[in-house]
Amino acid sequence: MIPFHSILVYSLRECSPTNKKLLVEHGISSLPIKSENGAVIGTFDYSDLTAYLLMVLGVWKGDPSDSQGHTFQDLASQSRSGGDIPVKLVKDLGKKDPFITVSEAEGLAKVVEILGSGVHRVAVVREGTDSVIGVISQLRMLEFFWANAKSFSQIDQLLPLSLRELNFGTVPVISINGDSRVLEALELMNSEGISSLAVVDSNHNVVGNISTTDVKHLTRTSSLPLIKSSCLHFLSVILSDRGLDDGKDSYPVFYVGPHSTLAHTVAKIIATRAHR
């Protein structure tokens, strides 16, 4: 579990431009939002930032509203004029995981069930209160079971099996052609409520991946022309930026085959810190 004292927390009264900077500058994927009484009531993440960007550009025509009567059009108009928008009005713009909490006394099986349903992270609260003391993510849970597999005989028995034997890889993957515009990729992720897209060539070979996290490369005014560029060009920009930040020339596409064992797959995910 990630201790809550090491997690940035944001107030409902703060404005969206600042939380955008926090996501980018601190390299985090989700920012807990607290109410006036200090309780964590939701999150602001890159799916919200993606929806916010599409709203500002005028290409997303949704119509969410809040209890105070702020309509989607009001938010769009205010954001285009450069006005400050409280995070409480944009924290639920994007389709994302529900904010789920579990008590610190809850059994591990319950957390596994929640994460297994597709939820990326679960907040842990102190027993009998709504005070968040930490967060458990899918990757953190995977690392735990990998390190303690011998203590869970059922899991240990699955590790030598191939992905094909376990029926992994049977669900259709949502992808986008590399020649398509970045704007189309953002719209697709926003409408489908997904956090990433496989980028494929004309032969349907995977050449890269675009995720909502990559929206951080589009938050500067000077980078907005990238939205109209091809996904392939955007991938080259992402790799270039990562190279400058991390001192590496490129990031390969990590993959496994249907005959790869579960153990090999899990080990690769943990070693590369890849999410997919």
Foldseek 3Di string as FASTA:
>chain_A
DAFPVPAAEAEQQAFDVVVLCVCVVVVHAWHFYAYPVGFGQAIAGLQLVLLLVCLLVVNDDDWDADPVGCTSVNSNVCVVVVHTDGVNGRRPRFQADHAAEDEPPDDPVVVCVVVVVVHAKYFYAHPPDSHTGGMDGPLNVLVVCLVVVVVPVVSVVQQQAFLVVVVPPPDDAAAEEQQDFLLVVSVVCRVVVHFKHFYAYPVRDGDDMDGSSLCSQCPDPVSVVSRGGGNNVSQCVVQVVCCVVVVDNGDGDDDDDRGDGNNVVSVVCNVVVDPD
